[in-house]
Structures are given as structure tokens and as C-alpha cells.
Amino acid sequence: MADDEREPDPRFTLANERTFLAWGRTALALVAAGLAITQLLPPFPGIDWGRRALGVPLILLGAVVAVGGYLDWARAQRALRFGRPLPPTRLPQVITVVVAAECLLAAALVVFAPADHG
């Protein structure tokens, strides 16, 4: 260990780990939602690309959250070991922007898809 590095309080280390695991669950949920949309959602009438346009960004966001969650965990663990403030994370903003864009796209697909009269 470096001179200024110290073993952090186990409670903080375990809290950091729980946060990392929460990011992992969020990533898996995003991937599962994206796969469900692309594979199980009925197609939008007249818009063949609609399911992929909704599902693929969620799958990609899941990958970003998985990697970002690990990087956040590592930065926080390093800060704990050196007694520095915890670094900020951008993951909540990224998720918010992508999910809001997905909502707008979903609304547009529902509104502008021709009615399916069976």
C-alpha cells in the first residue's frame, strides 16, 4: 500500500459494492427490456424498424451502464482508500436522457403508425 492509502471502513466498501450491484441489475433490466421490445412487442403497422429503434438503444444503454457502473465502483473505491471525496457519476444523467428519448420515440411511433385494422 502507498503511504497515504488506507483500508476503508468495511461499511463504506460494502455500500460501494451494493451500488455497483445495483448498476449491474439496472444494466440487465435495460438489456432484457431491449430484447423484449425487439423480440416480443408486436410490430408497429407500417413501421418495420420501430421495434429495433426502441429496443437497440436500451440494449446499448445496458452495456454503457454495466461498464460505467464498474468504472464508478473503481473510482469510488480508490477515493475511499485515499480518503478523498467520492467522485460524481454521469450514469443517472445518461439513463435519464436515453430513457426520455425512448419515451418520445415510443409516443411518436404510436401516434404516427397507421392504424392496424387487422
PDB file of N, CA and C in Angstrom:
ATOM      1  N   MET A   1       0.833  -1.188   0.000  1.00  0.00           N
ATOM      2  CA  MET A   1       0.000   0.000   0.000  1.00  0.00           C
ATOM      3  C   MET A   1       0.874   1.247   0.000  1.00  0.00           C
ATOM      4  N   ALA A   2       0.430   2.261  -0.690  1.00  0.00           N
ATOM      5  CA  ALA A   2       1.126   3.541  -0.694  1.00  0.00           C
ATOM      6  C   ALA A   2       0.997   4.176   0.681  1.00  0.00           C
ATOM      7  N   ASP A   3       1.878   5.148   0.957  1.00  0.00           N
ATOM      8  CA  ASP A   3       1.895   5.773   2.274  1.00  0.00           C
ATOM      9  C   ASP A   3       0.558   6.404   2.653  1.00  0.00           C
ATOM     10  N   ASP A   4      -0.127   7.028   1.710  1.00  0.00           N
ATOM     11  CA  ASP A   4      -1.383   7.702   2.046  1.00  0.00           C
ATOM     12  C   ASP A   4      -2.614   6.827   1.804  1.00  0.00           C
ATOM     13  N   GLU A   5      -2.398   5.569   1.382  1.00  0.00           N
ATOM     14  CA  GLU A   5      -3.507   4.656   1.165  1.00  0.00           C
ATOM     15  C   GLU A   5      -3.823   3.933   2.469  1.00  0.00           C
ATOM     16  N   ARG A   6      -5.124   3.759   2.742  1.00  0.00           N
ATOM     17  CA  ARG A   6      -5.520   3.044   3.957  1.00  0.00           C
ATOM     18  C   ARG A   6      -6.729   2.177   3.646  1.00  0.00           C
ATOM     19  N   GLU A   7      -6.914   1.181   4.452  1.00  0.00           N
ATOM     20  CA  GLU A   7      -8.068   0.304   4.298  1.00  0.00           C
ATOM     21  C   GLU A   7      -9.318   1.057   4.746  1.00  0.00           C
ATOM     22  N   PRO A   8     -10.316   1.210   3.867  1.00  0.00           N
ATOM     23  CA  PRO A   8     -11.518   1.956   4.252  1.00  0.00           C
ATOM     24  C   PRO A   8     -12.394   1.164   5.214  1.00  0.00           C
ATOM     25  N   ASP A   9     -13.270   1.868   5.889  1.00  0.00           N
ATOM     26  CA  ASP A   9     -14.263   1.244   6.762  1.00  0.00           C
ATOM     27  C   ASP A   9     -15.041   0.218   5.935  1.00  0.00           C
ATOM     28  N   PRO A  10     -15.159  -1.013   6.391  1.00  0.00           N
ATOM     29  CA  PRO A  10     -15.853  -2.047   5.608  1.00  0.00           C
ATOM     30  C   PRO A  10     -17.289  -1.652   5.242  1.00  0.00           C
ATOM     31  N   ARG A  11     -17.948  -0.869   6.074  1.00  0.00           N
ATOM     32  CA  ARG A  11     -19.320  -0.453   5.759  1.00  0.00           C
ATOM     33  C   ARG A  11     -19.360   0.365   4.469  1.00  0.00           C
ATOM     34  N   PHE A  12     -18.359   1.224   4.268  1.00  0.00           N
ATOM     35  CA  PHE A  12     -18.320   2.041   3.051  1.00  0.00           C
ATOM     36  C   PHE A  12     -17.962   1.194   1.830  1.00  0.00           C
ATOM     37  N   THR A  13     -17.054   0.253   2.034  1.00  0.00           N
ATOM     38  CA  THR A  13     -16.687  -0.648   0.941  1.00  0.00           C
ATOM     39  C   THR A  13     -17.891  -1.483   0.514  1.00  0.00           C
ATOM     40  N   LEU A  14     -18.633  -1.990   1.490  1.00  0.00           N
ATOM     41  CA  LEU A  14     -19.807  -2.804   1.164  1.00  0.00           C
ATOM     42  C   LEU A  14     -20.921  -1.957   0.550  1.00  0.00           C
ATOM     43  N   ALA A  15     -21.084  -0.724   0.984  1.00  0.00           N
ATOM     44  CA  ALA A  15     -22.077   0.170   0.372  1.00  0.00           C
ATOM     45  C   ALA A  15     -21.696   0.451  -1.080  1.00  0.00           C
ATOM     46  N   ASN A  16     -20.414   0.663  -1.326  1.00  0.00           N
ATOM     47  CA  ASN A  16     -19.944   0.876  -2.699  1.00  0.00           C
ATOM     48  C   ASN A  16     -20.219  -0.359  -3.554  1.00  0.00           C
ATOM     49  N   GLU A  17     -20.020  -1.526  -2.970  1.00  0.00           N
ATOM     50  CA  GLU A  17     -20.287  -2.764  -3.696  1.00  0.00           C
ATOM     51  C   GLU A  17     -21.779  -2.908  -3.989  1.00  0.00           C
ATOM     52  N   ARG A  18     -22.639  -2.565  -3.038  1.00  0.00           N
ATOM     53  CA  ARG A  18     -24.083  -2.644  -3.276  1.00  0.00           C
ATOM     54  C   ARG A  18     -24.500  -1.702  -4.400  1.00  0.00           C
ATOM     55  N   THR A  19     -23.890  -0.525  -4.451  1.00  0.00           N
ATOM     56  CA  THR A  19     -24.192   0.410  -5.533  1.00  0.00           C
ATOM     57  C   THR A  19     -23.773  -0.180  -6.873  1.00  0.00           C
ATOM     58  N   PHE A  20     -22.595  -0.782  -6.907  1.00  0.00           N
ATOM     59  CA  PHE A  20     -22.130  -1.442  -8.132  1.00  0.00           C
ATOM     60  C   PHE A  20     -23.106  -2.541  -8.565  1.00  0.00           C
ATOM     61  N   LEU A  21     -23.559  -3.342  -7.609  1.00  0.00           N
ATOM     62  CA  LEU A  21     -24.502  -4.407  -7.940  1.00  0.00           C
ATOM     63  C   LEU A  21     -25.830  -3.840  -8.438  1.00  0.00           C
ATOM     64  N   ALA A  22     -26.250  -2.707  -7.905  1.00  0.00           N
ATOM     65  CA  ALA A  22     -27.481  -2.057  -8.386  1.00  0.00           C
ATOM     66  C   ALA A  22     -27.316  -1.604  -9.831  1.00  0.00           C
ATOM     67  N   TRP A  23     -26.131  -1.065 -10.165  1.00  0.00           N
ATOM     68  CA  TRP A  23     -25.884  -0.680 -11.564  1.00  0.00           C
ATOM     69  C   TRP A  23     -25.940  -1.914 -12.448  1.00  0.00           C
ATOM     70  N   GLY A  24     -25.407  -3.044 -11.964  1.00  0.00           N
ATOM     71  CA  GLY A  24     -25.448  -4.287 -12.737  1.00  0.00           C
ATOM     72  C   GLY A  24     -26.877  -4.752 -12.974  1.00  0.00           C
ATOM     73  N   ARG A  25     -27.723  -4.663 -11.945  1.00  0.00           N
ATOM     74  CA  ARG A  25     -29.130  -5.041 -12.117  1.00  0.00           C
ATOM     75  C   ARG A  25     -29.828  -4.104 -13.098  1.00  0.00           C
ATOM     76  N   THR A  26     -29.511  -2.823 -13.013  1.00  0.00           N
ATOM     77  CA  THR A  26     -30.096  -1.860 -13.945  1.00  0.00           C
ATOM     78  C   THR A  26     -29.680  -2.194 -15.372  1.00  0.00           C
ATOM     79  N   ALA A  27     -28.408  -2.518 -15.563  1.00  0.00           N
ATOM     80  CA  ALA A  27     -27.916  -2.872 -16.897  1.00  0.00           C
ATOM     81  C   ALA A  27     -28.643  -4.096 -17.438  1.00  0.00           C
ATOM     82  N   LEU A  28     -28.797  -5.120 -16.598  1.00  0.00           N
ATOM     83  CA  LEU A  28     -29.501  -6.335 -17.035  1.00  0.00           C
ATOM     84  C   LEU A  28     -30.961  -6.038 -17.369  1.00  0.00           C
ATOM     85  N   ALA A  29     -31.605  -5.183 -16.580  1.00  0.00           N
ATOM     86  CA  ALA A  29     -33.002  -4.828 -16.857  1.00  0.00           C
ATOM     87  C   ALA A  29     -33.124  -4.084 -18.184  1.00  0.00           C
ATOM     88  N   LEU A  30     -32.174  -3.200 -18.465  1.00  0.00           N
ATOM     89  CA  LEU A  30     -32.203  -2.475 -19.735  1.00  0.00           C
ATOM     90  C   LEU A  30     -32.019  -3.422 -20.915  1.00  0.00           C
ATOM     91  N   VAL A  31     -31.096  -4.353 -20.798  1.00  0.00           N
ATOM     92  CA  VAL A  31     -30.873  -5.326 -21.868  1.00  0.00           C
ATOM     93  C   VAL A  31     -32.111  -6.201 -22.041  1.00  0.00           C
ATOM     94  N   ALA A  32     -32.695  -6.673 -20.936  1.00  0.00           N
ATOM     95  CA  ALA A  32     -33.892  -7.513 -21.019  1.00  0.00           C
ATOM     96  C   ALA A  32     -35.055  -6.747 -21.658  1.00  0.00           C
ATOM     97  N   ALA A  33     -35.219  -5.477 -21.288  1.00  0.00           N
ATOM     98  CA  ALA A  33     -36.285  -4.670 -21.885  1.00  0.00           C
ATOM     99  C   ALA A  33     -36.045  -4.493 -23.380  1.00  0.00           C
ATOM    100  N   GLY A  34     -34.813  -4.208 -23.758  1.00  0.00           N
ATOM    101  CA  GLY A  34     -34.495  -4.044 -25.172  1.00  0.00           C
ATOM    102  C   GLY A  34     -34.743  -5.307 -25.966  1.00  0.00           C
ATOM    103  N   LEU A  35     -34.348  -6.439 -25.412  1.00  0.00           N
ATOM    104  CA  LEU A  35     -34.593  -7.716 -26.098  1.00  0.00           C
ATOM    105  C   LEU A  35     -36.084  -8.011 -26.179  1.00  0.00           C
ATOM    106  N   ALA A  36     -36.818  -7.743 -25.123  1.00  0.00           N
ATOM    107  CA  ALA A  36     -38.264  -7.981 -25.129  1.00  0.00           C
ATOM    108  C   ALA A  36     -38.947  -7.122 -26.189  1.00  0.00           C
ATOM    109  N   ILE A  37     -38.534  -5.872 -26.273  1.00  0.00           N
ATOM    110  CA  ILE A  37     -39.128  -4.979 -27.270  1.00  0.00           C
ATOM    111  C   ILE A  37     -38.843  -5.488 -28.682  1.00  0.00           C
ATOM    112  N   THR A  38     -37.602  -5.864 -28.941  1.00  0.00           N
ATOM    113  CA  THR A  38     -37.255  -6.276 -30.311  1.00  0.00           C
ATOM    114  C   THR A  38     -37.832  -7.640 -30.678  1.00  0.00           C
ATOM    115  N   GLN A  39     -38.043  -8.505 -29.685  1.00  0.00           N
ATOM    116  CA  GLN A  39     -38.470  -9.868 -30.000  1.00  0.00           C
ATOM    117  C   GLN A  39     -39.933 -10.166 -29.700  1.00  0.00           C
ATOM    118  N   LEU A  40     -40.546  -9.448 -28.762  1.00  0.00           N
ATOM    119  CA  LEU A  40     -41.890  -9.813 -28.320  1.00  0.00           C
ATOM    120  C   LEU A  40     -42.968  -8.772 -28.614  1.00  0.00           C
ATOM    121  N   LEU A  41     -42.584  -7.525 -28.728  1.00  0.00           N
ATOM    122  CA  LEU A  41     -43.564  -6.473 -29.000  1.00  0.00           C
ATOM    123  C   LEU A  41     -44.113  -6.645 -30.409  1.00  0.00           C
ATOM    124  N   PRO A  42     -45.434  -6.583 -30.554  1.00  0.00           N
ATOM    125  CA  PRO A  42     -45.973  -6.662 -31.921  1.00  0.00           C
ATOM    126  C   PRO A  42     -45.412  -5.516 -32.763  1.00  0.00           C
ATOM    127  N   PRO A  43     -45.207  -5.750 -34.058  1.00  0.00           N
ATOM    128  CA  PRO A  43     -44.656  -4.692 -34.907  1.00  0.00           C
ATOM    129  C   PRO A  43     -45.618  -3.507 -35.005  1.00  0.00           C
ATOM    130  N   PHE A  44     -45.045  -2.335 -35.187  1.00  0.00           N
ATOM    131  CA  PHE A  44     -45.849  -1.151 -35.456  1.00  0.00           C
ATOM    132  C   PHE A  44     -46.290  -1.234 -36.903  1.00  0.00           C
ATOM    133  N   PRO A  45     -47.591  -1.117 -37.160  1.00  0.00           N
ATOM    134  CA  PRO A  45     -48.060  -1.217 -38.541  1.00  0.00           C
ATOM    135  C   PRO A  45     -47.378  -0.181 -39.435  1.00  0.00           C
ATOM    136  N   GLY A  46     -46.810  -0.650 -40.524  1.00  0.00           N
ATOM    137  CA  GLY A  46     -46.202   0.249 -41.492  1.00  0.00           C
ATOM    138  C   GLY A  46     -44.841   0.808 -41.098  1.00  0.00           C
ATOM    139  N   ILE A  47     -44.332   0.434 -39.922  1.00  0.00           N
ATOM    140  CA  ILE A  47     -43.016   0.936 -39.473  1.00  0.00           C
ATOM    141  C   ILE A  47     -42.176  -0.276 -39.067  1.00  0.00           C
ATOM    142  N   ASP A  48     -41.569  -0.900 -40.059  1.00  0.00           N
ATOM    143  CA  ASP A  48     -40.809  -2.135 -39.824  1.00  0.00           C
ATOM    144  C   ASP A  48     -39.658  -1.957 -38.829  1.00  0.00           C
ATOM    145  N   TRP A  49     -39.069  -0.785 -38.792  1.00  0.00           N
ATOM    146  CA  TRP A  49     -37.882  -0.537 -37.973  1.00  0.00           C
ATOM    147  C   TRP A  49     -38.233  -0.077 -36.555  1.00  0.00           C
ATOM    148  N   GLY A  50     -39.501   0.068 -36.231  1.00  0.00           N
ATOM    149  CA  GLY A  50     -39.914   0.644 -34.949  1.00  0.00           C
ATOM    150  C   GLY A  50     -39.423  -0.112 -33.731  1.00  0.00           C
ATOM    151  N   ARG A  51     -39.574  -1.438 -33.738  1.00  0.00           N
ATOM    152  CA  ARG A  51     -39.132  -2.221 -32.570  1.00  0.00           C
ATOM    153  C   ARG A  51     -37.627  -2.127 -32.374  1.00  0.00           C
ATOM    154  N   ARG A  52     -36.881  -2.195 -33.452  1.00  0.00           N
ATOM    155  CA  ARG A  52     -35.419  -2.090 -33.332  1.00  0.00           C
ATOM    156  C   ARG A  52     -35.014  -0.693 -32.853  1.00  0.00           C
ATOM    157  N   ALA A  53     -35.721   0.326 -33.339  1.00  0.00           N
ATOM    158  CA  ALA A  53     -35.397   1.699 -32.935  1.00  0.00           C
ATOM    159  C   ALA A  53     -35.633   1.906 -31.440  1.00  0.00           C
ATOM    160  N   LEU A  54     -36.588   1.191 -30.879  1.00  0.00           N
ATOM    161  CA  LEU A  54     -36.830   1.284 -29.441  1.00  0.00           C
ATOM    162  C   LEU A  54     -35.933   0.354 -28.629  1.00  0.00           C
ATOM    163  N   GLY A  55     -35.727  -0.855 -29.121  1.00  0.00           N
ATOM    164  CA  GLY A  55     -35.017  -1.866 -28.338  1.00  0.00           C
ATOM    165  C   GLY A  55     -33.506  -1.762 -28.350  1.00  0.00           C
ATOM    166  N   VAL A  56     -32.925  -1.499 -29.503  1.00  0.00           N
ATOM    167  CA  VAL A  56     -31.459  -1.486 -29.610  1.00  0.00           C
ATOM    168  C   VAL A  56     -30.818  -0.420 -28.706  1.00  0.00           C
ATOM    169  N   PRO A  57     -31.352   0.812 -28.649  1.00  0.00           N
ATOM    170  CA  PRO A  57     -30.737   1.781 -27.737  1.00  0.00           C
ATOM    171  C   PRO A  57     -30.763   1.330 -26.270  1.00  0.00           C
ATOM    172  N   LEU A  58     -31.811   0.604 -25.866  1.00  0.00           N
ATOM    173  CA  LEU A  58     -31.855   0.109 -24.487  1.00  0.00           C
ATOM    174  C   LEU A  58     -30.789  -0.953 -24.250  1.00  0.00           C
ATOM    175  N   ILE A  59     -30.580  -1.806 -25.243  1.00  0.00           N
ATOM    176  CA  ILE A  59     -29.525  -2.826 -25.121  1.00  0.00           C
ATOM    177  C   ILE A  59     -28.157  -2.148 -25.022  1.00  0.00           C
ATOM    178  N   LEU A  60     -27.912  -1.173 -25.870  1.00  0.00           N
ATOM    179  CA  LEU A  60     -26.642  -0.444 -25.831  1.00  0.00           C
ATOM    180  C   LEU A  60     -26.482   0.322 -24.518  1.00  0.00           C
ATOM    181  N   LEU A  61     -27.579   0.929 -24.035  1.00  0.00           N
ATOM    182  CA  LEU A  61     -27.517   1.628 -22.750  1.00  0.00           C
ATOM    183  C   LEU A  61     -27.179   0.649 -21.627  1.00  0.00           C
ATOM    184  N   GLY A  62     -27.703  -0.566 -21.712  1.00  0.00           N
ATOM    185  CA  GLY A  62     -27.349  -1.591 -20.725  1.00  0.00           C
ATOM    186  C   GLY A  62     -25.848  -1.849 -20.691  1.00  0.00           C
ATOM    187  N   ALA A  63     -25.237  -1.902 -21.856  1.00  0.00           N
ATOM    188  CA  ALA A  63     -23.782  -2.101 -21.915  1.00  0.00           C
ATOM    189  C   ALA A  63     -23.051  -0.910 -21.305  1.00  0.00           C
ATOM    190  N   VAL A  64     -23.509   0.302 -21.622  1.00  0.00           N
ATOM    191  CA  VAL A  64     -22.881   1.514 -21.071  1.00  0.00           C
ATOM    192  C   VAL A  64     -23.007   1.532 -19.550  1.00  0.00           C
ATOM    193  N   VAL A  65     -24.182   1.183 -19.039  1.00  0.00           N
ATOM    194  CA  VAL A  65     -24.395   1.187 -17.589  1.00  0.00           C
ATOM    195  C   VAL A  65     -23.537   0.113 -16.917  1.00  0.00           C
ATOM    196  N   ALA A  66     -23.403  -1.050 -17.535  1.00  0.00           N
ATOM    197  CA  ALA A  66     -22.575  -2.106 -16.955  1.00  0.00           C
ATOM    198  C   ALA A  66     -21.120  -1.652 -16.826  1.00  0.00           C
ATOM    199  N   VAL A  67     -20.581  -1.115 -17.886  1.00  0.00           N
ATOM    200  CA  VAL A  67     -19.181  -0.650 -17.856  1.00  0.00           C
ATOM    201  C   VAL A  67     -19.043   0.564 -16.940  1.00  0.00           C
ATOM    202  N   GLY A  68     -19.969   1.519 -17.076  1.00  0.00           N
ATOM    203  CA  GLY A  68     -19.925   2.716 -16.235  1.00  0.00           C
ATOM    204  C   GLY A  68     -20.059   2.393 -14.758  1.00  0.00           C
ATOM    205  N   GLY A  69     -20.906   1.416 -14.425  1.00  0.00           N
ATOM    206  CA  GLY A  69     -21.051   1.002 -13.030  1.00  0.00           C
ATOM    207  C   GLY A  69     -19.749   0.469 -12.461  1.00  0.00           C
ATOM    208  N   TYR A  70     -19.045  -0.317 -13.262  1.00  0.00           N
ATOM    209  CA  TYR A  70     -17.741  -0.820 -12.798  1.00  0.00           C
ATOM    210  C   TYR A  70     -16.740   0.327 -12.625  1.00  0.00           C
ATOM    211  N   LEU A  71     -16.691   1.217 -13.610  1.00  0.00           N
ATOM    212  CA  LEU A  71     -15.739   2.338 -13.514  1.00  0.00           C
ATOM    213  C   LEU A  71     -16.061   3.223 -12.323  1.00  0.00           C
ATOM    214  N   ASP A  72     -17.350   3.473 -12.069  1.00  0.00           N
ATOM    215  CA  ASP A  72     -17.744   4.259 -10.893  1.00  0.00           C
ATOM    216  C   ASP A  72     -17.333   3.558  -9.606  1.00  0.00           C
ATOM    217  N   TRP A  73     -17.561   2.245  -9.549  1.00  0.00           N
ATOM    218  CA  TRP A  73     -17.163   1.473  -8.369  1.00  0.00           C
ATOM    219  C   TRP A  73     -15.657   1.613  -8.119  1.00  0.00           C
ATOM    220  N   ALA A  74     -14.862   1.451  -9.177  1.00  0.00           N
ATOM    221  CA  ALA A  74     -13.402   1.519  -9.031  1.00  0.00           C
ATOM    222  C   ALA A  74     -12.959   2.912  -8.579  1.00  0.00           C
ATOM    223  N   ARG A  75     -13.542   3.969  -9.155  1.00  0.00           N
ATOM    224  CA  ARG A  75     -13.186   5.334  -8.745  1.00  0.00           C
ATOM    225  C   ARG A  75     -13.574   5.592  -7.297  1.00  0.00           C
ATOM    226  N   ALA A  76     -14.761   5.133  -6.908  1.00  0.00           N
ATOM    227  CA  ALA A  76     -15.201   5.336  -5.522  1.00  0.00           C
ATOM    228  C   ALA A  76     -14.322   4.554  -4.555  1.00  0.00           C
ATOM    229  N   GLN A  77     -13.961   3.345  -4.919  1.00  0.00           N
ATOM    230  CA  GLN A  77     -13.108   2.533  -4.039  1.00  0.00           C
ATOM    231  C   GLN A  77     -11.738   3.192  -3.856  1.00  0.00           C
ATOM    232  N   ARG A  78     -11.207   3.724  -4.945  1.00  0.00           N
ATOM    233  CA  ARG A  78      -9.916   4.416  -4.875  1.00  0.00           C
ATOM    234  C   ARG A  78     -10.037   5.655  -3.980  1.00  0.00           C
ATOM    235  N   ALA A  79     -11.111   6.414  -4.126  1.00  0.00           N
ATOM    236  CA  ALA A  79     -11.316   7.598  -3.293  1.00  0.00           C
ATOM    237  C   ALA A  79     -11.429   7.203  -1.821  1.00  0.00           C
ATOM    238  N   LEU A  80     -12.142   6.124  -1.533  1.00  0.00           N
ATOM    239  CA  LEU A  80     -12.262   5.664  -0.146  1.00  0.00           C
ATOM    240  C   LEU A  80     -10.892   5.296   0.428  1.00  0.00           C
ATOM    241  N   ARG A  81     -10.083   4.634  -0.374  1.00  0.00           N
ATOM    242  CA  ARG A  81      -8.761   4.200   0.106  1.00  0.00           C
ATOM    243  C   ARG A  81      -7.815   5.368   0.369  1.00  0.00           C
ATOM    244  N   PHE A  82      -8.004   6.462  -0.342  1.00  0.00           N
ATOM    245  CA  PHE A  82      -7.110   7.602  -0.172  1.00  0.00           C
ATOM    246  C   PHE A  82      -7.752   8.744   0.608  1.00  0.00           C
ATOM    247  N   GLY A  83      -8.947   8.499   1.162  1.00  0.00           N
ATOM    248  CA  GLY A  83      -9.596   9.499   1.994  1.00  0.00           C
ATOM    249  C   GLY A  83     -10.046  10.735   1.235  1.00  0.00           C
ATOM    250  N   ARG A  84     -10.337  10.572  -0.060  1.00  0.00           N
ATOM    251  CA  ARG A  84     -10.786  11.701  -0.880  1.00  0.00           C
ATOM    252  C   ARG A  84     -12.312  11.669  -1.008  1.00  0.00           C
ATOM    253  N   PRO A  85     -12.909  12.793  -1.401  1.00  0.00           N
ATOM    254  CA  PRO A  85     -14.363  12.793  -1.638  1.00  0.00           C
ATOM    255  C   PRO A  85     -14.719  11.844  -2.774  1.00  0.00           C
ATOM    256  N   LEU A  86     -15.916  11.315  -2.700  1.00  0.00           N
ATOM    257  CA  LEU A  86     -16.358  10.416  -3.760  1.00  0.00           C
ATOM    258  C   LEU A  86     -16.565  11.203  -5.048  1.00  0.00           C
ATOM    259  N   PRO A  87     -16.114  10.648  -6.173  1.00  0.00           N
ATOM    260  CA  PRO A  87     -16.268  11.351  -7.454  1.00  0.00           C
ATOM    261  C   PRO A  87     -17.722  11.312  -7.916  1.00  0.00           C
ATOM    262  N   PRO A  88     -18.140  12.320  -8.674  1.00  0.00           N
ATOM    263  CA  PRO A  88     -19.507  12.306  -9.201  1.00  0.00           C
ATOM    264  C   PRO A  88     -19.641  11.271 -10.320  1.00  0.00           C
ATOM    265  N   THR A  89     -20.866  10.895 -10.599  1.00  0.00           N
ATOM    266  CA  THR A  89     -21.138   9.955 -11.683  1.00  0.00           C
ATOM    267  C   THR A  89     -22.081  10.601 -12.687  1.00  0.00           C
ATOM    268  N   ARG A  90     -21.938  10.219 -13.934  1.00  0.00           N
ATOM    269  CA  ARG A  90     -22.802  10.721 -15.002  1.00  0.00           C
ATOM    270  C   ARG A  90     -23.882   9.706 -15.380  1.00  0.00           C
ATOM    271  N   LEU A  91     -23.838   8.504 -14.799  1.00  0.00           N
ATOM    272  CA  LEU A  91     -24.779   7.468 -15.198  1.00  0.00           C
ATOM    273  C   LEU A  91     -26.246   7.879 -15.024  1.00  0.00           C
ATOM    274  N   PRO A  92     -26.643   8.522 -13.929  1.00  0.00           N
ATOM    275  CA  PRO A  92     -28.057   8.915 -13.827  1.00  0.00           C
ATOM    276  C   PRO A  92     -28.487   9.857 -14.956  1.00  0.00           C
ATOM    277  N   GLN A  93     -27.623  10.796 -15.337  1.00  0.00           N
ATOM    278  CA  GLN A  93     -27.975  11.711 -16.429  1.00  0.00           C
ATOM    279  C   GLN A  93     -28.084  10.957 -17.759  1.00  0.00           C
ATOM    280  N   VAL A  94     -27.156  10.047 -17.999  1.00  0.00           N
ATOM    281  CA  VAL A  94     -27.166   9.275 -19.250  1.00  0.00           C
ATOM    282  C   VAL A  94     -28.449   8.449 -19.342  1.00  0.00           C
ATOM    283  N   ILE A  95     -28.793   7.761 -18.262  1.00  0.00           N
ATOM    284  CA  ILE A  95     -30.006   6.949 -18.257  1.00  0.00           C
ATOM    285  C   ILE A  95     -31.233   7.829 -18.478  1.00  0.00           C
ATOM    286  N   THR A  96     -31.292   8.963 -17.791  1.00  0.00           N
ATOM    287  CA  THR A  96     -32.439   9.858 -17.922  1.00  0.00           C
ATOM    288  C   THR A  96     -32.615  10.339 -19.354  1.00  0.00           C
ATOM    289  N   VAL A  97     -31.531  10.759 -19.982  1.00  0.00           N
ATOM    290  CA  VAL A  97     -31.621  11.274 -21.353  1.00  0.00           C
ATOM    291  C   VAL A  97     -32.063  10.177 -22.328  1.00  0.00           C
ATOM    292  N   VAL A  98     -31.460   9.000 -22.217  1.00  0.00           N
ATOM    293  CA  VAL A  98     -31.803   7.929 -23.153  1.00  0.00           C
ATOM    294  C   VAL A  98     -33.239   7.451 -22.927  1.00  0.00           C
ATOM    295  N   VAL A  99     -33.635   7.269 -21.679  1.00  0.00           N
ATOM    296  CA  VAL A  99     -34.998   6.802 -21.419  1.00  0.00           C
ATOM    297  C   VAL A  99     -36.020   7.852 -21.855  1.00  0.00           C
ATOM    298  N   ALA A 100     -35.748   9.135 -21.616  1.00  0.00           N
ATOM    299  CA  ALA A 100     -36.664  10.190 -22.074  1.00  0.00           C
ATOM    300  C   ALA A 100     -36.763  10.187 -23.600  1.00  0.00           C
ATOM    301  N   ALA A 101     -35.647  10.025 -24.289  1.00  0.00           N
ATOM    302  CA  ALA A 101     -35.667   9.957 -25.752  1.00  0.00           C
ATOM    303  C   ALA A 101     -36.455   8.733 -26.220  1.00  0.00           C
ATOM    304  N   GLU A 102     -36.292   7.617 -25.524  1.00  0.00           N
ATOM    305  CA  GLU A 102     -37.053   6.408 -25.854  1.00  0.00           C
ATOM    306  C   GLU A 102     -38.555   6.650 -25.691  1.00  0.00           C
ATOM    307  N   CYS A 103     -38.927   7.357 -24.634  1.00  0.00           N
ATOM    308  CA  CYS A 103     -40.351   7.670 -24.411  1.00  0.00           C
ATOM    309  C   CYS A 103     -40.904   8.519 -25.552  1.00  0.00           C
ATOM    310  N   LEU A 104     -40.144   9.523 -25.952  1.00  0.00           N
ATOM    311  CA  LEU A 104     -40.592  10.367 -27.061  1.00  0.00           C
ATOM    312  C   LEU A 104     -40.704   9.578 -28.356  1.00  0.00           C
ATOM    313  N   LEU A 105     -39.738   8.715 -28.617  1.00  0.00           N
ATOM    314  CA  LEU A 105     -39.785   7.891 -29.820  1.00  0.00           C
ATOM    315  C   LEU A 105     -40.968   6.932 -29.767  1.00  0.00           C
ATOM    316  N   ALA A 106     -41.203   6.310 -28.619  1.00  0.00           N
ATOM    317  CA  ALA A 106     -42.335   5.384 -28.486  1.00  0.00           C
ATOM    318  C   ALA A 106     -43.649   6.117 -28.731  1.00  0.00           C
ATOM    319  N   ALA A 107     -43.779   7.301 -28.163  1.00  0.00           N
ATOM    320  CA  ALA A 107     -45.004   8.083 -28.368  1.00  0.00           C
ATOM    321  C   ALA A 107     -45.175   8.426 -29.844  1.00  0.00           C
ATOM    322  N   ALA A 108     -44.103   8.815 -30.494  1.00  0.00           N
ATOM    323  CA  ALA A 108     -44.182   9.159 -31.919  1.00  0.00           C
ATOM    324  C   ALA A 108     -44.571   7.932 -32.745  1.00  0.00           C
ATOM    325  N   LEU A 109     -44.014   6.777 -32.434  1.00  0.00           N
ATOM    326  CA  LEU A 109     -44.360   5.565 -33.175  1.00  0.00           C
ATOM    327  C   LEU A 109     -45.833   5.212 -32.999  1.00  0.00           C
ATOM    328  N   VAL A 110     -46.333   5.352 -31.784  1.00  0.00           N
ATOM    329  CA  VAL A 110     -47.741   5.042 -31.527  1.00  0.00           C
ATOM    330  C   VAL A 110     -48.644   6.026 -32.256  1.00  0.00           C
ATOM    331  N   VAL A 111     -48.292   7.296 -32.211  1.00  0.00           N
ATOM    332  CA  VAL A 111     -49.140   8.326 -32.836  1.00  0.00           C
ATOM    333  C   VAL A 111     -49.110   8.246 -34.356  1.00  0.00           C
ATOM    334  N   PHE A 112     -47.941   8.019 -34.927  1.00  0.00           N
ATOM    335  CA  PHE A 112     -47.805   8.115 -36.378  1.00  0.00           C
ATOM    336  C   PHE A 112     -47.917   6.782 -37.121  1.00  0.00           C
ATOM    337  N   ALA A 113     -47.950   5.663 -36.404  1.00  0.00           N
ATOM    338  CA  ALA A 113     -48.130   4.370 -37.082  1.00  0.00           C
ATOM    339  C   ALA A 113     -49.550   4.300 -37.623  1.00  0.00           C
ATOM    340  N   PRO A 114     -49.698   3.840 -38.838  1.00  0.00           N
ATOM    341  CA  PRO A 114     -51.063   3.683 -39.373  1.00  0.00           C
ATOM    342  C   PRO A 114     -51.848   2.707 -38.502  1.00  0.00           C
ATOM    343  N   ALA A 115     -53.125   2.930 -38.363  1.00  0.00           N
ATOM    344  CA  ALA A 115     -53.964   2.040 -37.575  1.00  0.00           C
ATOM    345  C   ALA A 115     -53.967   0.649 -38.202  1.00  0.00           C
ATOM    346  N   ASP A 116     -53.838  -0.368 -37.354  1.00  0.00           N
ATOM    347  CA  ASP A 116     -53.861  -1.754 -37.832  1.00  0.00           C
ATOM    348  C   ASP A 116     -55.286  -2.264 -37.698  1.00  0.00           C
ATOM    349  N   HIS A 117     -55.924  -2.470 -38.829  1.00  0.00           N
ATOM    350  CA  HIS A 117     -57.306  -2.909 -38.804  1.00  0.00           C
ATOM    351  C   HIS A 117     -57.435  -4.413 -38.988  1.00  0.00           C
ATOM    352  N   GLY A 118     -56.358  -5.084 -38.659  1.00  0.00           N
ATOM    353  CA  GLY A 118     -56.400  -6.485 -38.565  1.00  0.00           C
ATOM    354  C   GLY A 118     -56.367  -7.335 -39.717  1.00  0.00           C
TER     355      GLY A 118
END
